Amino acid sequence: MHRVLITGGAGFIGSHLCRRFLDEGSEVICMDNLLTGRLQNIEDLVGHERFVFIKHDVTNYIHVPGPVDAVLHFASPASPADFERLPIQILKVGALGTHKALGLAKDKRARFLLASTSECYGDPEINPQPESYWGNVNPIGIRGVYDEAKRFAEAMTMAYQRYHGIETRIVRIFNTYGPGMRIDDGRVIPNFFRQALKGEDLSVFGDGSQTRSINFVTDLVEGIYRLLNSDYALPVNIGNPIEMTVMEIAERILRITGSQSKIAYHGLPPDDPKVRRPDITIAREKLAWQPAVSPDEGLERTLPYFQAEVQRTRVD
């Protein structure tokens, strides 16, 4: 992949992908409107001879001069805090943004990879979730703007594959964490790190028995890279099948931060998934991929980043 376009490239996952493709020798075009992406995520890349940043809203027509070998569509607000704050933007980037990105891939005869999500499974009635499971999604709930945007994006991606014959890949991403996340992201791990490091009570919704499977960002990037370079065209789960309760995650973060914070319980948000665990059989068989970083190691590697972020926000 000599020349790669990454939409949402200044976001958490997108910025890690930019670095990976630069490390592989590719030229990287990073496109982001900075709605939730941040320039600080890519500031170390500015000036790199094979890196270009373009500020652009991908719900509008995308023009990139010259050849493009791959389009990775990662543009979208993705945290629960965004579902109420940016619902229309989420729906637009899932529909119009995917359409524009697919149009560019068609025009350039580039391979297209869609960042989809485990949210396609909604509040699942089976556990773990295989790619063959169609999900249990409330289309009119608060979370529905994200869930249905991604489900629609998957349908459009498959339509372009079948009708226009472009090469497409779909990754269903499970709870990913690591350096580069927004401290106000609203997801479990940023919330717990921020609260623990500030000495605040950790906000646990429900009784904390709901489960998540947390995957360190370098493992996700490796899975995405292998998927893009594979010949497998159907959706693939990329996540860590080690399932933990939200309370277990809170306890681990309290332990590694040394915080004396307490647990504060709050009501469970509507449609919040009770379980979340990927079946990664396809990833193992088709991509020879499985996570290499344990939850404890990943959280330890993430701690210095959030320590710096908390300090930075105090200074700001």
C-alpha atoms as a PDB file:
ATOM      1  CA  MET A   1       0.000   0.000   0.000  1.00  0.00           C
ATOM      2  CA  HIS A   2       2.114   2.897  -1.299  1.00  0.00           C
ATOM      3  CA  ARG A   3      -0.402   5.709  -0.702  1.00  0.00           C
ATOM      4  CA  VAL A   4      -3.072   5.449   1.985  1.00  0.00           C
ATOM      5  CA  LEU A   5      -5.917   7.792   2.941  1.00  0.00           C
ATOM      6  CA  ILE A   6      -7.121   7.550   6.553  1.00  0.00           C
ATOM      7  CA  THR A   7     -10.303   9.475   7.332  1.00  0.00           C
ATOM      8  CA  GLY A   8     -10.546  10.372  11.004  1.00  0.00           C
ATOM      9  CA  GLY A   9      -6.769  10.170  11.034  1.00  0.00           C
ATOM     10  CA  ALA A  10      -6.395  12.649  13.897  1.00  0.00           C
ATOM     11  CA  GLY A  11      -8.602  10.544  16.145  1.00  0.00           C
ATOM     12  CA  PHE A  12      -7.498   8.001  18.714  1.00  0.00           C
ATOM     13  CA  ILE A  13      -7.345   4.918  16.487  1.00  0.00           C
ATOM     14  CA  GLY A  14      -6.760   6.828  13.259  1.00  0.00           C
ATOM     15  CA  SER A  15      -3.577   8.456  14.565  1.00  0.00           C
ATOM     16  CA  HIS A  16      -2.153   5.074  15.567  1.00  0.00           C
ATOM     17  CA  LEU A  17      -2.927   3.799  12.076  1.00  0.00           C
ATOM     18  CA  CYS A  18      -1.118   6.776  10.544  1.00  0.00           C
ATOM     19  CA  ARG A  19       2.015   5.837  12.466  1.00  0.00           C
ATOM     20  CA  ARG A  20       1.749   2.165  11.525  1.00  0.00           C
ATOM     21  CA  PHE A  21       1.498   2.882   7.804  1.00  0.00           C
ATOM     22  CA  LEU A  22       4.355   5.376   7.965  1.00  0.00           C
ATOM     23  CA  ASP A  23       6.423   2.699   9.718  1.00  0.00           C
ATOM     24  CA  GLU A  24       5.559   0.332   6.864  1.00  0.00           C
ATOM     25  CA  GLY A  25       6.902   2.845   4.329  1.00  0.00           C
ATOM     26  CA  SER A  26       3.572   4.132   2.997  1.00  0.00           C
ATOM     27  CA  GLU A  27       2.675   7.714   2.170  1.00  0.00           C
ATOM     28  CA  VAL A  28      -0.184   8.689   4.503  1.00  0.00           C
ATOM     29  CA  ILE A  29      -2.919  11.228   3.832  1.00  0.00           C
ATOM     30  CA  CYS A  30      -4.638  12.017   7.125  1.00  0.00           C
ATOM     31  CA  MET A  31      -8.087  13.596   6.704  1.00  0.00           C
ATOM     32  CA  ASP A  32     -10.061  14.938   9.660  1.00  0.00           C
ATOM     33  CA  ASN A  33     -12.453  17.813  10.371  1.00  0.00           C
ATOM     34  CA  LEU A  34     -11.248  17.896  14.019  1.00  0.00           C
ATOM     35  CA  LEU A  35     -14.754  17.587  15.434  1.00  0.00           C
ATOM     36  CA  THR A  36     -13.475  14.955  17.865  1.00  0.00           C
ATOM     37  CA  GLY A  37     -10.024  14.355  16.374  1.00  0.00           C
ATOM     38  CA  ARG A  38      -7.141  16.353  17.826  1.00  0.00           C
ATOM     39  CA  LEU A  39      -4.060  17.867  16.262  1.00  0.00           C
ATOM     40  CA  GLN A  40      -2.057  16.847  19.333  1.00  0.00           C
ATOM     41  CA  ASN A  41      -2.571  13.219  18.281  1.00  0.00           C
ATOM     42  CA  ILE A  42      -0.584  13.804  15.090  1.00  0.00           C
ATOM     43  CA  GLU A  43       1.710  16.706  16.015  1.00  0.00           C
ATOM     44  CA  ASP A  44       4.732  14.401  16.002  1.00  0.00           C
ATOM     45  CA  LEU A  45       3.940  13.450  12.393  1.00  0.00           C
ATOM     46  CA  VAL A  46       3.718  16.965  10.993  1.00  0.00           C
ATOM     47  CA  GLY A  47       6.791  17.570   8.860  1.00  0.00           C
ATOM     48  CA  HIS A  48       7.281  13.888   8.049  1.00  0.00           C
ATOM     49  CA  GLU A  49       8.109  13.655   4.346  1.00  0.00           C
ATOM     50  CA  ARG A  50       5.452  10.988   3.748  1.00  0.00           C
ATOM     51  CA  PHE A  51       2.665  12.507   5.848  1.00  0.00           C
ATOM     52  CA  VAL A  52       0.021  15.014   4.762  1.00  0.00           C
ATOM     53  CA  PHE A  53      -2.829  16.385   6.877  1.00  0.00           C
ATOM     54  CA  ILE A  54      -5.987  17.679   5.194  1.00  0.00           C
ATOM     55  CA  LYS A  55      -8.699  19.319   7.277  1.00  0.00           C
ATOM     56  CA  HIS A  56     -11.933  18.244   5.617  1.00  0.00           C
ATOM     57  CA  ASP A  57     -15.425  17.053   6.490  1.00  0.00           C
ATOM     58  CA  VAL A  58     -15.853  13.743   4.690  1.00  0.00           C
ATOM     59  CA  THR A  59     -19.612  14.143   4.483  1.00  0.00           C
ATOM     60  CA  ASN A  60     -18.727  16.494   1.612  1.00  0.00           C
ATOM     61  CA  TYR A  61     -17.137  15.462  -1.674  1.00  0.00           C
ATOM     62  CA  ILE A  62     -13.611  14.124  -1.177  1.00  0.00           C
ATOM     63  CA  HIS A  63     -10.936  15.096  -3.675  1.00  0.00           C
ATOM     64  CA  VAL A  64      -7.420  13.707  -3.440  1.00  0.00           C
ATOM     65  CA  PRO A  65      -5.069  14.311  -6.376  1.00  0.00           C
ATOM     66  CA  GLY A  66      -2.940  11.433  -7.586  1.00  0.00           C
ATOM     67  CA  PRO A  67      -3.176   7.703  -6.925  1.00  0.00           C
ATOM     68  CA  VAL A  68      -4.560   6.156  -3.746  1.00  0.00           C
ATOM     69  CA  ASP A  69      -4.030   2.486  -2.960  1.00  0.00           C
ATOM     70  CA  ALA A  70      -6.215   2.182   0.122  1.00  0.00           C
ATOM     71  CA  VAL A  71      -8.957   4.165   1.855  1.00  0.00           C
ATOM     72  CA  LEU A  72      -9.481   3.477   5.570  1.00  0.00           C
ATOM     73  CA  HIS A  73     -12.697   5.094   6.775  1.00  0.00           C
ATOM     74  CA  PHE A  74     -12.354   5.842  10.498  1.00  0.00           C
ATOM     75  CA  ALA A  75     -14.104   9.214  10.629  1.00  0.00           C
ATOM     76  CA  SER A  76     -16.860   9.298  13.252  1.00  0.00           C
ATOM     77  CA  PRO A  77     -17.482  10.433  16.794  1.00  0.00           C
ATOM     78  CA  ALA A  78     -17.464   7.164  18.719  1.00  0.00           C
ATOM     79  CA  SER A  79     -17.885   7.660  22.444  1.00  0.00           C
ATOM     80  CA  PRO A  80     -21.141   7.460  24.437  1.00  0.00           C
ATOM     81  CA  ALA A  81     -20.697  11.109  25.382  1.00  0.00           C
ATOM     82  CA  ASP A  82     -20.996  11.951  21.683  1.00  0.00           C
ATOM     83  CA  PHE A  83     -24.240  10.046  21.107  1.00  0.00           C
ATOM     84  CA  GLU A  84     -26.334  12.783  22.710  1.00  0.00           C
ATOM     85  CA  ARG A  85     -23.997  15.673  21.875  1.00  0.00           C
ATOM     86  CA  LEU A  86     -23.425  14.923  18.171  1.00  0.00           C
ATOM     87  CA  PRO A  87     -26.226  12.620  16.980  1.00  0.00           C
ATOM     88  CA  ILE A  88     -26.774  14.190  13.563  1.00  0.00           C
ATOM     89  CA  GLN A  89     -23.055  14.354  12.802  1.00  0.00           C
ATOM     90  CA  ILE A  90     -22.697  10.657  13.704  1.00  0.00           C
ATOM     91  CA  LEU A  91     -25.533   9.670  11.376  1.00  0.00           C
ATOM     92  CA  LYS A  92     -24.207  11.869   8.573  1.00  0.00           C
ATOM     93  CA  VAL A  93     -20.654  10.544   8.692  1.00  0.00           C
ATOM     94  CA  GLY A  94     -21.951   6.965   8.817  1.00  0.00           C
ATOM     95  CA  ALA A  95     -24.122   7.521   5.761  1.00  0.00           C
ATOM     96  CA  LEU A  96     -22.803  10.437   3.686  1.00  0.00           C
ATOM     97  CA  GLY A  97     -19.203  10.063   4.849  1.00  0.00           C
ATOM     98  CA  THR A  98     -19.124   6.371   3.994  1.00  0.00           C
ATOM     99  CA  HIS A  99     -20.696   7.125   0.615  1.00  0.00           C
ATOM    100  CA  LYS A 100     -18.085   9.768  -0.193  1.00  0.00           C
ATOM    101  CA  ALA A 101     -15.195   7.575   0.998  1.00  0.00           C
ATOM    102  CA  LEU A 102     -16.450   4.631  -1.036  1.00  0.00           C
ATOM    103  CA  GLY A 103     -16.821   6.918  -4.054  1.00  0.00           C
ATOM    104  CA  LEU A 104     -13.191   7.922  -3.764  1.00  0.00           C
ATOM    105  CA  ALA A 105     -12.119   4.285  -3.454  1.00  0.00           C
ATOM    106  CA  LYS A 106     -14.145   3.449  -6.571  1.00  0.00           C
ATOM    107  CA  ASP A 107     -12.644   6.348  -8.509  1.00  0.00           C
ATOM    108  CA  LYS A 108      -9.078   5.481  -7.461  1.00  0.00           C
ATOM    109  CA  ARG A 109      -9.617   1.700  -7.698  1.00  0.00           C
ATOM    110  CA  ALA A 110      -8.381   1.533  -4.139  1.00  0.00           C
ATOM    111  CA  ARG A 111      -9.034  -1.068  -1.484  1.00  0.00           C
ATOM    112  CA  PHE A 112     -11.546   0.177   1.084  1.00  0.00           C
ATOM    113  CA  LEU A 113     -11.619  -0.682   4.800  1.00  0.00           C
ATOM    114  CA  LEU A 114     -14.556   0.334   6.982  1.00  0.00           C
ATOM    115  CA  ALA A 115     -14.162   0.866  10.708  1.00  0.00           C
ATOM    116  CA  SER A 116     -17.308  -0.739  12.052  1.00  0.00           C
ATOM    117  CA  THR A 117     -18.021  -1.649  15.656  1.00  0.00           C
ATOM    118  CA  SER A 118     -19.156  -4.209  18.173  1.00  0.00           C
ATOM    119  CA  GLU A 119     -22.059  -1.808  18.710  1.00  0.00           C
ATOM    120  CA  CYS A 120     -23.577  -3.473  15.640  1.00  0.00           C
ATOM    121  CA  TYR A 121     -24.512  -6.269  18.050  1.00  0.00           C
ATOM    122  CA  GLY A 122     -26.348  -3.846  20.358  1.00  0.00           C
ATOM    123  CA  ASP A 123     -27.268  -5.330  23.739  1.00  0.00           C
ATOM    124  CA  PRO A 124     -26.478  -8.888  22.619  1.00  0.00           C
ATOM    125  CA  GLU A 125     -28.582 -11.889  23.492  1.00  0.00           C
ATOM    126  CA  ILE A 126     -25.735 -14.309  22.782  1.00  0.00           C
ATOM    127  CA  ASN A 127     -22.228 -14.279  24.232  1.00  0.00           C
ATOM    128  CA  PRO A 128     -19.597 -14.253  22.788  1.00  0.00           C
ATOM    129  CA  GLN A 129     -20.715 -12.499  19.624  1.00  0.00           C
ATOM    130  CA  PRO A 130     -19.749 -14.081  16.284  1.00  0.00           C
ATOM    131  CA  GLU A 131     -19.852 -12.102  13.047  1.00  0.00           C
ATOM    132  CA  SER A 132     -22.887 -14.150  11.970  1.00  0.00           C
ATOM    133  CA  TYR A 133     -24.997 -12.657  14.803  1.00  0.00           C
ATOM    134  CA  TRP A 134     -27.323  -9.939  13.495  1.00  0.00           C
ATOM    135  CA  GLY A 135     -27.549  -8.134  16.806  1.00  0.00           C
ATOM    136  CA  ASN A 136     -30.146  -6.709  19.180  1.00  0.00           C
ATOM    137  CA  VAL A 137     -30.229  -2.966  18.475  1.00  0.00           C
ATOM    138  CA  ASN A 138     -32.791  -0.373  19.501  1.00  0.00           C
ATOM    139  CA  PRO A 139     -32.877   1.802  16.343  1.00  0.00           C
ATOM    140  CA  ILE A 140     -34.644   4.728  18.045  1.00  0.00           C
ATOM    141  CA  GLY A 141     -32.679   4.752  21.298  1.00  0.00           C
ATOM    142  CA  ILE A 142     -29.909   7.191  22.194  1.00  0.00           C
ATOM    143  CA  ARG A 143     -27.224   4.683  21.184  1.00  0.00           C
ATOM    144  CA  GLY A 144     -29.080   3.938  17.952  1.00  0.00           C
ATOM    145  CA  VAL A 145     -27.513   6.890  16.144  1.00  0.00           C
ATOM    146  CA  TYR A 146     -24.117   5.195  16.329  1.00  0.00           C
ATOM    147  CA  ASP A 147     -25.263   1.579  16.084  1.00  0.00           C
ATOM    148  CA  GLU A 148     -27.424   2.169  13.030  1.00  0.00           C
ATOM    149  CA  ALA A 149     -24.928   4.508  11.360  1.00  0.00           C
ATOM    150  CA  LYS A 150     -22.359   1.720  11.430  1.00  0.00           C
ATOM    151  CA  ARG A 151     -24.838  -0.961  10.365  1.00  0.00           C
ATOM    152  CA  PHE A 152     -25.862   1.223   7.430  1.00  0.00           C
ATOM    153  CA  ALA A 153     -22.198   1.828   6.596  1.00  0.00           C
ATOM    154  CA  GLU A 154     -21.620  -1.934   6.503  1.00  0.00           C
ATOM    155  CA  ALA A 155     -24.602  -2.390   4.159  1.00  0.00           C
ATOM    156  CA  MET A 156     -23.328   0.330   1.828  1.00  0.00           C
ATOM    157  CA  THR A 157     -19.824  -1.138   1.850  1.00  0.00           C
ATOM    158  CA  MET A 158     -21.131  -4.559   0.847  1.00  0.00           C
ATOM    159  CA  ALA A 159     -23.343  -2.956  -1.836  1.00  0.00           C
ATOM    160  CA  TYR A 160     -20.306  -1.224  -3.368  1.00  0.00           C
ATOM    161  CA  GLN A 161     -18.420  -4.498  -3.283  1.00  0.00           C
ATOM    162  CA  ARG A 162     -21.200  -6.412  -5.024  1.00  0.00           C
ATOM    163  CA  TYR A 163     -22.403  -3.737  -7.455  1.00  0.00           C
ATOM    164  CA  HIS A 164     -19.193  -1.875  -8.308  1.00  0.00           C
ATOM    165  CA  GLY A 165     -16.724  -4.688  -7.669  1.00  0.00           C
ATOM    166  CA  ILE A 166     -14.416  -2.677  -5.415  1.00  0.00           C
ATOM    167  CA  GLU A 167     -12.316  -4.528  -2.856  1.00  0.00           C
ATOM    168  CA  THR A 168     -13.717  -3.945   0.626  1.00  0.00           C
ATOM    169  CA  ARG A 169     -12.882  -4.985   4.171  1.00  0.00           C
ATOM    170  CA  ILE A 170     -14.942  -4.484   7.351  1.00  0.00           C
ATOM    171  CA  VAL A 171     -13.501  -4.543  10.878  1.00  0.00           C
ATOM    172  CA  ARG A 172     -15.843  -4.709  13.858  1.00  0.00           C
ATOM    173  CA  ILE A 173     -13.885  -3.045  16.637  1.00  0.00           C
ATOM    174  CA  PHE A 174     -14.403  -4.045  20.272  1.00  0.00           C
ATOM    175  CA  ASN A 175     -13.635  -1.795  23.263  1.00  0.00           C
ATOM    176  CA  THR A 176     -10.176  -0.409  22.461  1.00  0.00           C
ATOM    177  CA  TYR A 177      -8.010   1.698  24.756  1.00  0.00           C
ATOM    178  CA  GLY A 178      -4.532   3.170  24.977  1.00  0.00           C
ATOM    179  CA  PRO A 179      -2.601   6.428  24.582  1.00  0.00           C
ATOM    180  CA  GLY A 180      -4.350   9.031  22.464  1.00  0.00           C
ATOM    181  CA  MET A 181      -7.850   8.737  23.927  1.00  0.00           C
ATOM    182  CA  ARG A 182      -9.693  11.891  24.914  1.00  0.00           C
ATOM    183  CA  ILE A 183      -9.708  12.277  28.667  1.00  0.00           C
ATOM    184  CA  ASP A 184     -13.381  13.328  28.459  1.00  0.00           C
ATOM    185  CA  ASP A 185     -14.185  10.461  26.108  1.00  0.00           C
ATOM    186  CA  GLY A 186     -16.963   9.123  28.316  1.00  0.00           C
ATOM    187  CA  ARG A 187     -15.939   5.486  27.972  1.00  0.00           C
ATOM    188  CA  VAL A 188     -15.066   3.271  30.913  1.00  0.00           C
ATOM    189  CA  ILE A 189     -11.271   3.382  30.822  1.00  0.00           C
ATOM    190  CA  PRO A 190     -10.741   7.143  30.281  1.00  0.00           C
ATOM    191  CA  ASN A 191     -13.393   7.856  32.908  1.00  0.00           C
ATOM    192  CA  PHE A 192     -11.809   5.565  35.477  1.00  0.00           C
ATOM    193  CA  PHE A 193      -8.258   6.805  34.853  1.00  0.00           C
ATOM    194  CA  ARG A 194      -9.298  10.458  35.041  1.00  0.00           C
ATOM    195  CA  GLN A 195     -11.322   9.980  38.203  1.00  0.00           C
ATOM    196  CA  ALA A 196      -8.733   7.788  39.925  1.00  0.00           C
ATOM    197  CA  LEU A 197      -5.881  10.181  39.148  1.00  0.00           C
ATOM    198  CA  LYS A 198      -7.900  13.162  40.369  1.00  0.00           C
ATOM    199  CA  GLY A 199      -8.989  11.385  43.542  1.00  0.00           C
ATOM    200  CA  GLU A 200     -12.651  11.467  42.510  1.00  0.00           C
ATOM    201  CA  ASP A 201     -15.170   8.680  42.978  1.00  0.00           C
ATOM    202  CA  LEU A 202     -15.188   6.190  40.103  1.00  0.00           C
ATOM    203  CA  SER A 203     -18.554   6.276  38.327  1.00  0.00           C
ATOM    204  CA  VAL A 204     -19.905   2.753  37.902  1.00  0.00           C
ATOM    205  CA  PHE A 205     -23.227   2.509  36.113  1.00  0.00           C
ATOM    206  CA  GLY A 206     -25.578  -0.213  37.234  1.00  0.00           C
ATOM    207  CA  ASP A 207     -24.096  -2.686  39.690  1.00  0.00           C
ATOM    208  CA  GLY A 208     -20.861  -3.054  37.722  1.00  0.00           C
ATOM    209  CA  SER A 209     -21.591  -6.644  36.710  1.00  0.00           C
ATOM    210  CA  GLN A 210     -21.941  -5.811  33.013  1.00  0.00           C
ATOM    211  CA  THR A 211     -18.950  -7.063  31.043  1.00  0.00           C
ATOM    212  CA  ARG A 212     -16.511  -5.597  28.561  1.00  0.00           C
ATOM    213  CA  SER A 213     -13.588  -7.046  26.617  1.00  0.00           C
ATOM    214  CA  ILE A 214     -10.836  -4.449  26.428  1.00  0.00           C
ATOM    215  CA  ASN A 215      -8.278  -4.530  23.630  1.00  0.00           C
ATOM    216  CA  PHE A 216      -5.016  -2.540  23.610  1.00  0.00           C
ATOM    217  CA  VAL A 217      -4.679  -0.255  20.606  1.00  0.00           C
ATOM    218  CA  THR A 218      -1.500  -1.829  19.192  1.00  0.00           C
ATOM    219  CA  ASP A 219      -3.290  -5.174  18.967  1.00  0.00           C
ATOM    220  CA  LEU A 220      -6.188  -3.537  17.140  1.00  0.00           C
ATOM    221  CA  VAL A 221      -3.861  -1.819  14.662  1.00  0.00           C
ATOM    222  CA  GLU A 222      -2.108  -5.121  13.953  1.00  0.00           C
ATOM    223  CA  GLY A 223      -5.449  -6.796  13.276  1.00  0.00           C
ATOM    224  CA  ILE A 224      -6.577  -3.981  10.980  1.00  0.00           C
ATOM    225  CA  TYR A 225      -3.306  -4.069   9.058  1.00  0.00           C
ATOM    226  CA  ARG A 226      -3.594  -7.809   8.537  1.00  0.00           C
ATOM    227  CA  LEU A 227      -7.232  -7.533   7.495  1.00  0.00           C
ATOM    228  CA  LEU A 228      -6.505  -4.819   4.929  1.00  0.00           C
ATOM    229  CA  ASN A 229      -3.786  -6.965   3.390  1.00  0.00           C
ATOM    230  CA  SER A 230      -5.856 -10.154   3.449  1.00  0.00           C
ATOM    231  CA  ASP A 231      -8.313 -11.437   0.849  1.00  0.00           C
ATOM    232  CA  TYR A 232     -11.188 -11.768   3.344  1.00  0.00           C
ATOM    233  CA  ALA A 233     -14.119  -9.497   2.469  1.00  0.00           C
ATOM    234  CA  LEU A 234     -16.717 -10.178   5.171  1.00  0.00           C
ATOM    235  CA  PRO A 235     -16.829  -8.501   8.607  1.00  0.00           C
ATOM    236  CA  VAL A 236     -14.175  -9.530  11.122  1.00  0.00           C
ATOM    237  CA  ASN A 237     -14.259  -9.046  14.903  1.00  0.00           C
ATOM    238  CA  ILE A 238     -11.038  -7.586  16.297  1.00  0.00           C
ATOM    239  CA  GLY A 239     -11.024  -7.554  20.076  1.00  0.00           C
ATOM    240  CA  ASN A 240      -9.711  -9.298  23.157  1.00  0.00           C
ATOM    241  CA  PRO A 241     -11.888 -12.269  24.207  1.00  0.00           C
ATOM    242  CA  ILE A 242     -10.886 -11.889  27.867  1.00  0.00           C
ATOM    243  CA  GLU A 243     -14.164 -10.762  29.437  1.00  0.00           C
ATOM    244  CA  MET A 244     -14.153  -8.621  32.590  1.00  0.00           C
ATOM    245  CA  THR A 245     -16.855  -6.931  34.576  1.00  0.00           C
ATOM    246  CA  VAL A 246     -16.852  -3.150  34.737  1.00  0.00           C
ATOM    247  CA  MET A 247     -16.162  -3.493  38.469  1.00  0.00           C
ATOM    248  CA  GLU A 248     -13.071  -5.613  37.753  1.00  0.00           C
ATOM    249  CA  ILE A 249     -11.784  -2.926  35.379  1.00  0.00           C
ATOM    250  CA  ALA A 250     -12.359  -0.274  38.051  1.00  0.00           C
ATOM    251  CA  GLU A 251     -10.486  -2.336  40.642  1.00  0.00           C
ATOM    252  CA  ARG A 252      -7.515  -2.857  38.311  1.00  0.00           C
ATOM    253  CA  ILE A 253      -7.248   0.852  37.573  1.00  0.00           C
ATOM    254  CA  LEU A 254      -7.455   1.711  41.263  1.00  0.00           C
ATOM    255  CA  ARG A 255      -4.652  -0.768  41.903  1.00  0.00           C
ATOM    256  CA  ILE A 256      -2.241   0.430  39.222  1.00  0.00           C
ATOM    257  CA  THR A 257      -2.853   4.132  39.962  1.00  0.00           C
ATOM    258  CA  GLY A 258      -2.586   3.627  43.719  1.00  0.00           C
ATOM    259  CA  SER A 259      -5.694   5.788  44.067  1.00  0.00           C
ATOM    260  CA  GLN A 260      -7.783   5.874  47.226  1.00  0.00           C
ATOM    261  CA  SER A 261     -10.905   6.773  45.237  1.00  0.00           C
ATOM    262  CA  LYS A 262     -14.178   5.084  46.091  1.00  0.00           C
ATOM    263  CA  ILE A 263     -16.866   3.610  43.849  1.00  0.00           C
ATOM    264  CA  ALA A 264     -19.998   5.674  43.179  1.00  0.00           C
ATOM    265  CA  TYR A 265     -22.949   3.832  41.649  1.00  0.00           C
ATOM    266  CA  HIS A 266     -25.273   5.425  39.101  1.00  0.00           C
ATOM    267  CA  GLY A 267     -28.254   4.258  37.093  1.00  0.00           C
ATOM    268  CA  LEU A 268     -27.554   2.159  34.012  1.00  0.00           C
ATOM    269  CA  PRO A 269     -27.960   4.187  30.777  1.00  0.00           C
ATOM    270  CA  PRO A 270     -30.640   3.040  28.297  1.00  0.00           C
ATOM    271  CA  ASP A 271     -29.616   0.110  26.051  1.00  0.00           C
ATOM    272  CA  ASP A 272     -26.207  -0.192  27.717  1.00  0.00           C
ATOM    273  CA  PRO A 273     -24.861  -3.643  26.736  1.00  0.00           C
ATOM    274  CA  LYS A 274     -24.925  -6.176  29.576  1.00  0.00           C
ATOM    275  CA  VAL A 275     -22.244  -8.343  27.965  1.00  0.00           C
ATOM    276  CA  ARG A 276     -19.607  -7.727  25.328  1.00  0.00           C
ATOM    277  CA  ARG A 277     -17.118 -10.344  24.175  1.00  0.00           C
ATOM    278  CA  PRO A 278     -15.844 -11.067  20.662  1.00  0.00           C
ATOM    279  CA  ASP A 279     -15.702 -14.452  19.046  1.00  0.00           C
ATOM    280  CA  ILE A 280     -12.367 -14.098  17.210  1.00  0.00           C
ATOM    281  CA  THR A 281     -12.390 -17.455  15.414  1.00  0.00           C
ATOM    282  CA  ILE A 282     -12.376 -15.790  11.988  1.00  0.00           C
ATOM    283  CA  ALA A 283      -9.539 -13.427  12.932  1.00  0.00           C
ATOM    284  CA  ARG A 284      -7.485 -16.381  14.146  1.00  0.00           C
ATOM    285  CA  GLU A 285      -8.193 -18.511  11.058  1.00  0.00           C
ATOM    286  CA  LYS A 286      -8.137 -15.895   8.293  1.00  0.00           C
ATOM    287  CA  LEU A 287      -5.618 -13.387   9.657  1.00  0.00           C
ATOM    288  CA  ALA A 288      -3.542 -15.504  12.057  1.00  0.00           C
ATOM    289  CA  TRP A 289      -4.325 -12.759  14.570  1.00  0.00           C
ATOM    290  CA  GLN A 290      -4.984 -12.760  18.270  1.00  0.00           C
ATOM    291  CA  PRO A 291      -4.234 -10.157  20.944  1.00  0.00           C
ATOM    292  CA  ALA A 292      -0.699 -10.118  22.311  1.00  0.00           C
ATOM    293  CA  VAL A 293      -1.144  -7.559  25.121  1.00  0.00           C
ATOM    294  CA  SER A 294      -2.863  -8.637  28.338  1.00  0.00           C
ATOM    295  CA  PRO A 295      -5.310  -6.245  30.039  1.00  0.00           C
ATOM    296  CA  ASP A 296      -2.910  -5.670  32.942  1.00  0.00           C
ATOM    297  CA  GLU A 297       0.016  -4.903  30.621  1.00  0.00           C
ATOM    298  CA  GLY A 298      -2.109  -2.632  28.448  1.00  0.00           C
ATOM    299  CA  LEU A 299      -3.440  -0.652  31.407  1.00  0.00           C
ATOM    300  CA  GLU A 300       0.093  -0.242  32.774  1.00  0.00           C
ATOM    301  CA  ARG A 301       1.246   1.056  29.375  1.00  0.00           C
ATOM    302  CA  THR A 302      -1.692   3.469  29.250  1.00  0.00           C
ATOM    303  CA  LEU A 303      -1.182   4.937  32.738  1.00  0.00           C
ATOM    304  CA  PRO A 304       1.643   7.404  31.875  1.00  0.00           C
ATOM    305  CA  TYR A 305      -0.458   8.893  29.072  1.00  0.00           C
ATOM    306  CA  PHE A 306      -3.414   9.632  31.350  1.00  0.00           C
ATOM    307  CA  GLN A 307      -1.111  10.940  34.068  1.00  0.00           C
ATOM    308  CA  ALA A 308       0.234  13.453  31.542  1.00  0.00           C
ATOM    309  CA  GLU A 309      -3.274  14.283  30.289  1.00  0.00           C
ATOM    310  CA  VAL A 310      -4.549  14.975  33.808  1.00  0.00           C
ATOM    311  CA  GLN A 311      -1.551  17.205  34.457  1.00  0.00           C
ATOM    312  CA  ARG A 312      -2.037  19.012  31.162  1.00  0.00           C
ATOM    313  CA  THR A 313      -5.710  19.726  31.855  1.00  0.00           C
ATOM    314  CA  ARG A 314      -4.794  21.090  35.266  1.00  0.00           C
ATOM    315  CA  VAL A 315      -2.335  23.495  33.654  1.00  0.00           C
ATOM    316  CA  ASP A 316      -4.854  24.485  30.971  1.00  0.00           C
END
